[in-house]
């Protein structure tokens, strides 16, 4: 039913992917009409594989993640097309009650700001043990497992942490607690939505290392959501680049950094400072969009120096180029 993929972050070949997203579409409905915020998004994630979804704010990466978690369906915002499979289970058709049972045990998410995700009125221990007790696990076992989880993410004093409130910790410590909370039930898939954005560089590297160690140790599938390509350079096996609700490029991390094919990806990588560059070449700047993206053709056209007439009339589709995919009529290799 699903395509076969070799997970580059795993030593095993999986007959079917852990996660399969096919032709995902998310629509916002307003009094003025409907607008597709995400469209034609398809990708797989294998068990043990680490994948990044990157793009600027508004590219649709977080909406895609929330859709996988079943957290966007409302009167105005909903998945309007496509399917999402976790193994052989169709998440898109799952009743809310069954979906809630999957969160934590099969798939989990680390959010960007732990202070808005943790309950400020509950002690950390209560928030952790509740994950177990609502599933019928004895309280003493829940306490022991919760304390063990805090030790696992490097909390220096887990006993103190258990009786403390979220505001008593630094941002880095709160994010470690969020990681412990997300992985309490050993989910098969972990989604991390820009969890290091508000942290300083040193703490950011600690959190990246922690997630990488836990992901490999548990052989989890990992989706890392970020706008910063520099963050994922050493963290993931494969990168999915999104722009204006569509996937514009998919490649292994090495191939993407070695030679990006889409002009947008080229700009993202070119804007990363390189301390080892003694020549100190000027960073690449992607032109600012002066108006809303066009309703037809390539949405990146107003910001693309390589755009031609066809870019304004036809929408480029993801095309296989060797071992990667790109949605561009004039990819980098054809301009060389």
Protein backbone atom coordinates (compact mmCIF):
# COMPACT_ATOMS: atom_id res chain seq x y z
CA UNK A 1 0.00 0.00 0.00
CA UNK A 2 2.88 2.39 0.83
CA UNK A 3 6.15 2.87 -0.98
CA UNK A 4 9.31 1.14 0.16
CA UNK A 5 12.00 3.37 1.64
CA UNK A 6 15.40 2.72 3.11
CA UNK A 7 15.72 4.79 6.30
CA UNK A 8 19.11 6.46 6.21
CA UNK A 9 19.05 6.87 9.97
CA UNK A 10 18.47 3.18 10.57
CA UNK A 11 20.39 0.00 9.85
CA UNK A 12 17.20 -1.76 8.87
CA UNK A 13 15.29 -1.75 5.62
CA UNK A 14 11.59 -1.19 6.23
CA UNK A 15 9.02 -2.76 3.90
CA UNK A 16 6.76 0.21 4.59
CA UNK A 17 7.43 3.62 6.14
CA UNK A 18 6.62 4.45 9.74
CA UNK A 19 4.82 7.61 8.60
CA UNK A 20 3.36 8.24 5.16
CA UNK A 21 1.83 11.60 4.24
CA UNK A 22 0.16 11.67 0.83
CA UNK A 23 -1.20 14.72 -0.99
CA UNK A 24 -1.96 16.59 2.24
CA UNK A 25 -4.10 19.69 1.89
CA UNK A 26 -5.07 22.05 4.72
CA UNK A 27 -7.71 24.71 4.09
CA UNK A 28 -8.66 27.86 6.00
CA UNK A 29 -12.28 28.89 5.60
CA UNK A 30 -13.30 32.50 6.22
CA UNK A 31 -16.28 34.71 5.39
CA UNK A 32 -14.36 35.85 2.30
CA UNK A 33 -13.86 32.31 1.04
CA UNK A 34 -11.41 29.43 1.37
CA UNK A 35 -7.64 29.47 1.13
CA UNK A 36 -5.34 26.46 0.89
CA UNK A 37 -2.51 26.92 3.35
CA UNK A 38 -0.88 23.55 2.62
CA UNK A 39 -1.27 21.66 -0.63
CA UNK A 40 0.05 18.56 -2.38
CA UNK A 41 2.43 17.68 0.47
CA UNK A 42 3.69 14.08 0.34
CA UNK A 43 6.58 12.44 2.17
CA UNK A 44 7.55 9.34 4.16
CA UNK A 45 9.55 8.87 7.36
CA UNK A 46 11.11 5.50 8.19
CA UNK A 47 11.63 4.10 11.68
CA UNK A 48 14.93 5.41 12.99
CA UNK A 49 15.13 8.12 10.33
CA UNK A 50 15.56 11.81 11.19
CA UNK A 51 13.90 14.24 8.74
CA UNK A 52 13.79 18.03 8.87
CA UNK A 53 11.03 20.21 7.44
CA UNK A 54 12.45 23.68 6.89
CA UNK A 55 11.13 26.96 5.59
CA UNK A 56 10.37 30.51 6.66
CA UNK A 57 7.36 31.50 8.77
CA UNK A 58 4.13 30.81 6.91
CA UNK A 59 5.59 28.02 4.77
CA UNK A 60 3.18 25.43 6.25
CA UNK A 61 5.65 23.31 8.17
CA UNK A 62 3.99 23.64 11.59
CA UNK A 63 0.51 23.15 10.12
CA UNK A 64 1.77 19.94 8.52
CA UNK A 65 3.08 18.75 11.89
CA UNK A 66 -0.14 19.66 13.71
CA UNK A 67 -2.14 17.80 11.07
CA UNK A 68 -0.05 14.67 11.68
CA UNK A 69 -0.85 15.05 15.39
CA UNK A 70 -4.56 15.52 14.64
CA UNK A 71 -4.62 18.96 16.24
CA UNK A 72 -5.96 21.29 13.54
CA UNK A 73 -9.50 20.16 12.81
CA UNK A 74 -11.91 22.98 13.61
CA UNK A 75 -14.77 24.80 11.93
CA UNK A 76 -12.43 27.16 10.06
CA UNK A 77 -9.23 25.13 9.70
CA UNK A 78 -9.15 21.50 8.61
CA UNK A 79 -7.42 18.84 6.57
CA UNK A 80 -9.40 19.06 3.35
CA UNK A 81 -7.64 16.37 1.34
CA UNK A 82 -4.98 13.69 1.50
CA UNK A 83 -4.12 10.89 3.88
CA UNK A 84 -1.74 10.37 6.79
CA UNK A 85 -0.74 6.84 7.74
CA UNK A 86 1.15 5.73 10.83
CA UNK A 87 2.15 2.26 9.75
CA UNK A 88 -1.09 0.81 8.39
CA UNK A 89 -3.30 3.07 10.52
CA UNK A 90 -5.05 5.88 8.64
CA UNK A 91 -4.82 8.84 11.04
CA UNK A 92 -6.98 11.01 8.78
CA UNK A 93 -10.02 8.82 9.44
CA UNK A 94 -9.40 8.11 13.13
CA UNK A 95 -12.07 9.21 15.66
CA UNK A 96 -10.89 11.79 18.22
CA UNK A 97 -11.03 9.31 21.09
CA UNK A 98 -8.74 6.83 19.37
CA UNK A 99 -6.41 9.60 18.25
CA UNK A 100 -6.00 10.85 21.83
CA UNK A 101 -4.94 7.36 22.88
CA UNK A 102 -2.20 7.41 20.23
CA UNK A 103 -0.69 10.71 21.35
CA UNK A 104 2.17 9.99 23.66
CA UNK A 105 2.21 6.25 23.08
CA UNK A 106 2.67 6.18 19.28
CA UNK A 107 3.46 9.75 18.31
CA UNK A 108 4.46 12.78 20.39
CA UNK A 109 5.40 16.41 19.87
CA UNK A 110 7.84 18.83 21.49
CA UNK A 111 6.52 22.37 21.14
CA UNK A 112 8.44 25.58 20.58
CA UNK A 113 7.72 27.26 23.92
CA UNK A 114 7.58 24.91 26.93
CA UNK A 115 6.24 27.68 29.16
CA UNK A 116 3.00 27.72 27.17
CA UNK A 117 2.88 23.92 26.91
CA UNK A 118 3.46 23.02 30.55
CA UNK A 119 0.67 23.76 33.03
CA UNK A 120 1.96 26.65 35.21
CA UNK A 121 -0.32 25.62 38.10
CA UNK A 122 0.83 21.99 38.33
CA UNK A 123 4.06 20.61 39.74
CA UNK A 124 6.30 18.91 37.20
CA UNK A 125 5.92 15.53 38.89
CA UNK A 126 2.14 15.72 38.66
CA UNK A 127 2.28 16.56 34.95
CA UNK A 128 4.58 13.63 34.26
CA UNK A 129 2.88 11.00 36.40
CA UNK A 130 -0.54 11.93 35.01
CA UNK A 131 0.57 10.52 31.63
CA UNK A 132 0.80 7.09 33.29
CA UNK A 133 -2.05 7.23 35.80
CA UNK A 134 -4.72 8.12 33.22
CA UNK A 135 -3.71 4.88 31.50
CA UNK A 136 -4.28 2.87 34.65
CA UNK A 137 -0.64 2.54 35.74
CA UNK A 138 -0.08 2.44 39.52
CA UNK A 139 0.99 5.74 41.08
CA UNK A 140 4.24 4.41 42.59
CA UNK A 141 5.28 3.00 39.20
CA UNK A 142 4.33 6.31 37.54
CA UNK A 143 6.47 8.28 40.00
CA UNK A 144 9.46 5.99 39.48
CA UNK A 145 9.20 6.16 35.68
CA UNK A 146 8.76 9.94 35.75
CA UNK A 147 11.83 10.41 37.92
CA UNK A 148 13.78 8.10 35.63
CA UNK A 149 12.72 10.19 32.61
CA UNK A 150 14.01 13.38 34.25
CA UNK A 151 17.34 11.70 34.96
CA UNK A 152 17.47 10.59 31.34
CA UNK A 153 17.25 14.16 30.01
CA UNK A 154 19.95 15.44 32.35
CA UNK A 155 18.00 17.20 35.12
CA UNK A 156 20.61 17.64 37.90
CA UNK A 157 18.16 17.16 40.79
CA UNK A 158 15.17 15.09 39.64
CA UNK A 159 13.65 14.87 43.15
CA UNK A 160 13.53 18.65 43.41
CA UNK A 161 12.20 18.90 39.87
CA UNK A 162 9.31 16.57 40.68
CA UNK A 163 7.95 18.96 43.32
CA UNK A 164 8.74 22.22 41.47
CA UNK A 165 6.64 24.37 39.13
CA UNK A 166 7.62 25.23 35.52
CA UNK A 167 8.49 28.88 36.32
CA UNK A 168 11.22 27.72 38.70
CA UNK A 169 13.35 26.44 35.81
CA UNK A 170 15.36 28.10 33.06
CA UNK A 171 14.25 27.85 29.44
CA UNK A 172 16.75 25.08 28.73
CA UNK A 173 15.63 23.04 31.75
CA UNK A 174 11.97 23.48 30.82
CA UNK A 175 12.72 22.22 27.34
CA UNK A 176 14.45 19.15 28.82
CA UNK A 177 11.31 18.52 30.86
CA UNK A 178 9.21 18.80 27.67
CA UNK A 179 11.45 16.24 25.99
CA UNK A 180 11.06 13.89 28.97
CA UNK A 181 7.28 14.39 28.86
CA UNK A 182 7.12 13.69 25.13
CA UNK A 183 9.10 10.47 25.41
CA UNK A 184 7.57 9.00 28.58
CA UNK A 185 5.62 6.34 26.66
CA UNK A 186 8.40 5.71 24.11
CA UNK A 187 6.55 6.90 20.98
CA UNK A 188 7.50 5.57 17.57
CA UNK A 189 7.45 9.06 16.01
CA UNK A 190 8.65 12.29 17.62
CA UNK A 191 7.91 15.72 16.12
CA UNK A 192 10.01 18.64 17.39
CA UNK A 193 8.60 22.04 16.43
CA UNK A 194 11.46 24.56 16.69
CA UNK A 195 12.19 23.63 20.33
CA UNK A 196 15.52 25.52 20.41
CA UNK A 197 14.41 28.85 18.90
CA UNK A 198 14.31 30.80 22.18
CA UNK A 199 17.49 29.25 23.63
CA UNK A 200 21.06 30.55 23.55
CA UNK A 201 23.57 28.78 21.32
CA UNK A 202 25.18 26.66 24.05
CA UNK A 203 21.86 25.36 25.41
CA UNK A 204 20.62 24.88 21.86
CA UNK A 205 23.49 22.50 21.11
CA UNK A 206 22.80 20.55 24.32
CA UNK A 207 19.13 20.10 23.38
CA UNK A 208 20.05 19.04 19.83
CA UNK A 209 22.49 16.46 21.17
CA UNK A 210 19.95 15.18 23.69
CA UNK A 211 17.23 14.68 21.07
CA UNK A 212 19.70 12.98 18.72
CA UNK A 213 20.88 10.54 21.40
CA UNK A 214 17.33 9.65 22.47
CA UNK A 215 16.15 9.28 18.87
CA UNK A 216 18.93 6.87 18.00
CA UNK A 217 18.68 4.95 21.25
CA UNK A 218 14.96 4.33 20.80
CA UNK A 219 15.07 3.98 16.98
CA UNK A 220 12.32 6.59 16.69
CA UNK A 221 11.28 8.38 13.57
CA UNK A 222 12.04 12.09 14.04
CA UNK A 223 10.60 15.13 12.28
CA UNK A 224 12.44 18.34 13.16
CA UNK A 225 10.55 21.54 12.23
CA UNK A 226 12.69 24.65 11.86
CA UNK A 227 13.36 27.81 9.84
CA UNK A 228 17.12 27.48 10.48
CA UNK A 229 18.97 25.12 8.15
CA UNK A 230 22.11 25.52 10.24
CA UNK A 231 20.41 23.81 13.17
CA UNK A 232 19.69 20.60 11.28
CA UNK A 233 23.02 20.20 9.46
CA UNK A 234 24.29 17.53 11.87
CA UNK A 235 20.94 16.31 13.19
CA UNK A 236 18.95 14.81 10.31
CA UNK A 237 19.37 12.38 7.42
CA UNK A 238 17.05 14.12 4.97
CA UNK A 239 15.63 17.63 4.49
CA UNK A 240 12.23 18.68 3.13
CA UNK A 241 12.09 22.34 2.09
CA UNK A 242 8.68 24.04 2.09
CA UNK A 243 7.65 27.38 0.62
CA UNK A 244 4.16 28.89 0.69
CA UNK A 245 2.49 25.60 1.64
CA UNK A 246 4.26 23.39 -0.89
CA UNK A 247 7.33 21.16 -0.88
CA UNK A 248 9.91 22.66 -3.23
CA UNK A 249 12.89 20.36 -2.60
CA UNK A 250 13.71 17.03 -0.92
CA UNK A 251 17.27 15.75 -0.55
CA UNK A 252 19.68 14.08 1.82
CA UNK A 253 21.31 16.57 4.17
CA UNK A 254 24.69 16.13 2.47
CA UNK A 255 23.31 16.65 -1.03
CA UNK A 256 21.25 19.66 -0.01
CA UNK A 257 24.17 21.52 1.56
CA UNK A 258 26.61 20.39 -1.15
CA UNK A 259 24.44 21.61 -4.00
CA UNK A 260 20.90 22.92 -3.52
CA UNK A 261 18.73 22.77 -6.63
CA UNK A 262 15.85 25.15 -5.86
CA UNK A 263 16.57 28.92 -5.84
CA UNK A 264 14.82 29.24 -2.47
CA UNK A 265 16.98 26.51 -0.91
CA UNK A 266 20.03 28.12 -2.48
CA UNK A 267 19.13 31.38 -0.77
CA UNK A 268 18.50 29.73 2.61
CA UNK A 269 21.89 28.01 2.58
CA UNK A 270 23.65 31.07 1.23
CA UNK A 271 22.35 33.15 4.13
CA UNK A 272 24.07 30.93 6.75
CA UNK A 273 27.24 32.60 8.11
CA UNK A 274 30.43 30.54 7.66
CA UNK A 275 32.96 31.40 10.39
CA UNK A 276 35.66 29.33 8.65
CA UNK A 277 35.37 31.44 5.48
CA UNK A 278 38.46 33.68 5.65
CA UNK A 279 37.31 35.63 2.58
CA UNK A 280 34.16 36.73 4.42
CA UNK A 281 32.03 36.76 1.30
CA UNK A 282 28.74 38.68 1.56
CA UNK A 283 25.78 36.56 2.61
CA UNK A 284 23.08 35.86 0.06
CA UNK A 285 19.83 37.75 0.65
CA UNK A 286 16.53 36.43 -0.68
CA UNK A 287 14.60 39.40 -2.13
CA UNK A 288 11.67 40.56 -0.01
CA UNK A 289 8.22 39.77 -1.39
CA UNK A 290 6.56 43.06 -2.31
CA UNK A 291 3.09 41.56 -2.61
CA UNK A 292 1.10 38.42 -1.87
CA UNK A 293 2.23 35.25 -3.68
CA UNK A 294 0.66 34.90 -7.14
CA UNK A 295 -2.46 32.76 -7.43
CA UNK A 296 -1.10 30.92 -10.45
CA UNK A 297 2.33 29.76 -11.48
CA UNK A 298 5.28 29.42 -9.12
CA UNK A 299 4.68 31.22 -5.81
CA UNK A 300 8.41 31.95 -5.48
CA UNK A 301 8.49 33.81 -8.84
CA UNK A 302 8.33 37.38 -7.38
CA UNK A 303 11.49 36.67 -5.35
CA UNK A 304 13.40 34.58 -7.89
CA UNK A 305 16.13 36.08 -10.07
CA UNK A 306 15.93 33.12 -12.47
CA UNK A 307 12.16 33.31 -13.16
CA UNK A 308 10.92 33.30 -16.76
CA UNK A 309 7.54 33.49 -18.46
CA UNK A 310 6.58 29.87 -17.79
CA UNK A 311 7.01 30.46 -14.04
CA UNK A 312 4.07 32.86 -14.06
CA UNK A 313 1.64 30.57 -15.85
CA UNK A 314 2.44 27.02 -14.67
CA UNK A 315 3.04 25.57 -11.21
CA UNK A 316 6.19 23.41 -11.09
CA UNK A 317 5.67 19.91 -9.69
CA UNK A 318 8.14 17.87 -7.66
CA UNK A 319 10.35 16.06 -10.15
CA UNK A 320 12.88 13.32 -9.47
CA UNK A 321 16.45 14.43 -10.15
CA UNK A 322 18.73 11.48 -9.44
CA UNK A 323 18.23 10.69 -5.74
CA UNK A 324 16.38 13.91 -4.90
CA UNK A 325 13.28 15.92 -5.82
CA UNK A 326 12.81 19.56 -6.80
CA UNK A 327 9.86 21.68 -7.92
CA UNK A 328 11.47 24.18 -10.28
CA UNK A 329 11.52 24.73 -14.04
CA UNK A 330 15.10 26.01 -13.87
CA UNK A 331 16.92 24.16 -11.05
CA UNK A 332 20.52 25.07 -10.25
CA UNK A 333 22.08 22.21 -12.24
CA UNK A 334 20.37 23.37 -15.43
CA UNK A 335 21.65 26.93 -15.02
CA UNK A 336 25.31 25.83 -14.66
